[in-house]
Amino acid sequence: MLLSLLALLLLMARKYKLAGSSLAIGVALLYLCSTAFVADSMMGWLERDYPPRSMAQTPRADGILLLGGAMRGDVQPLAELADLNQQADRLVHAVALYRAGKAPFIMLTGGSASDARTEAEMMRDILHVMGIPPEALVLETASLDTHDNAVLSAALIRERNWQRVLLVTSSWHMPRAVALFKAQGIDVIPAPTDHQRLQGSSVLPDWLPSVSSLSRTTYALHELLGYLVYRWRGWL
């Protein structure tokens, strides 16, 4: 969009060659970012150290730490349950770990920027429907980003004297999350889910653009930028 705007400004300034080049680059970038080839490459790079792990390979721990980011939010006042988004695998994986006896508690993290229900409370209500008892849930309701998740959750972990913690989040989000908890002195055990680079061949060719591929590229770029910003702020 910025390159297209630049092309328009150059066109108004009668710099036709530069305008054409700017527009061509913008269209080319949009096309590339919309292909499965680019999306899989970027997601594969983020997920390379956190492949899927079987339940048998996952060790037991004192608690399961479920990071926020899986909730779309409340859609209307009468709705008892909030809507889920594309990262809802996180909730399912945390429940699967709990039911497999990997830990007796699940810590839910996530606050709210307004007076609405916090993300942790939304996840709690959904986990209740999924059969997780209230006494097994620990809520952290003040965090607004992954840095807050790490700082506030680390305090609760120390308060409860948990020695081993399974960290549940999307695989592509795991590098930043693990680094943040390590900076807080918490050595978490990654329990990745929501992998975006799937095994097997796609029905559609890799060069064909799609909205889903553009979405995955967007998440990857957001995560890479977030990692750089967090490092620049001294949080990693």
Foldseek 3Di string as FASTA:
>chain_A
DVLQVVLVVCVVVVVNVSSVVSVVVVVVVLLVLQFLVLLLVLLCVLLVVPDADDLVRQAAWAEEEQEDDQFPAQDDPVDPAGHGDLFCVLLVLRVVNVVVVRHQAYEYEFADPDPGGTRSVNSVSVVVVVPRDPVRYHYHHDDHDLLSSLVRVLVVCVVVVIQEYEYEGASSLVVQNQVLNVLVVHRYHYNHDSRDNDDDDDPDDRSGGDPVSSVSSVVSVVSVVVSVVCVVVVSD
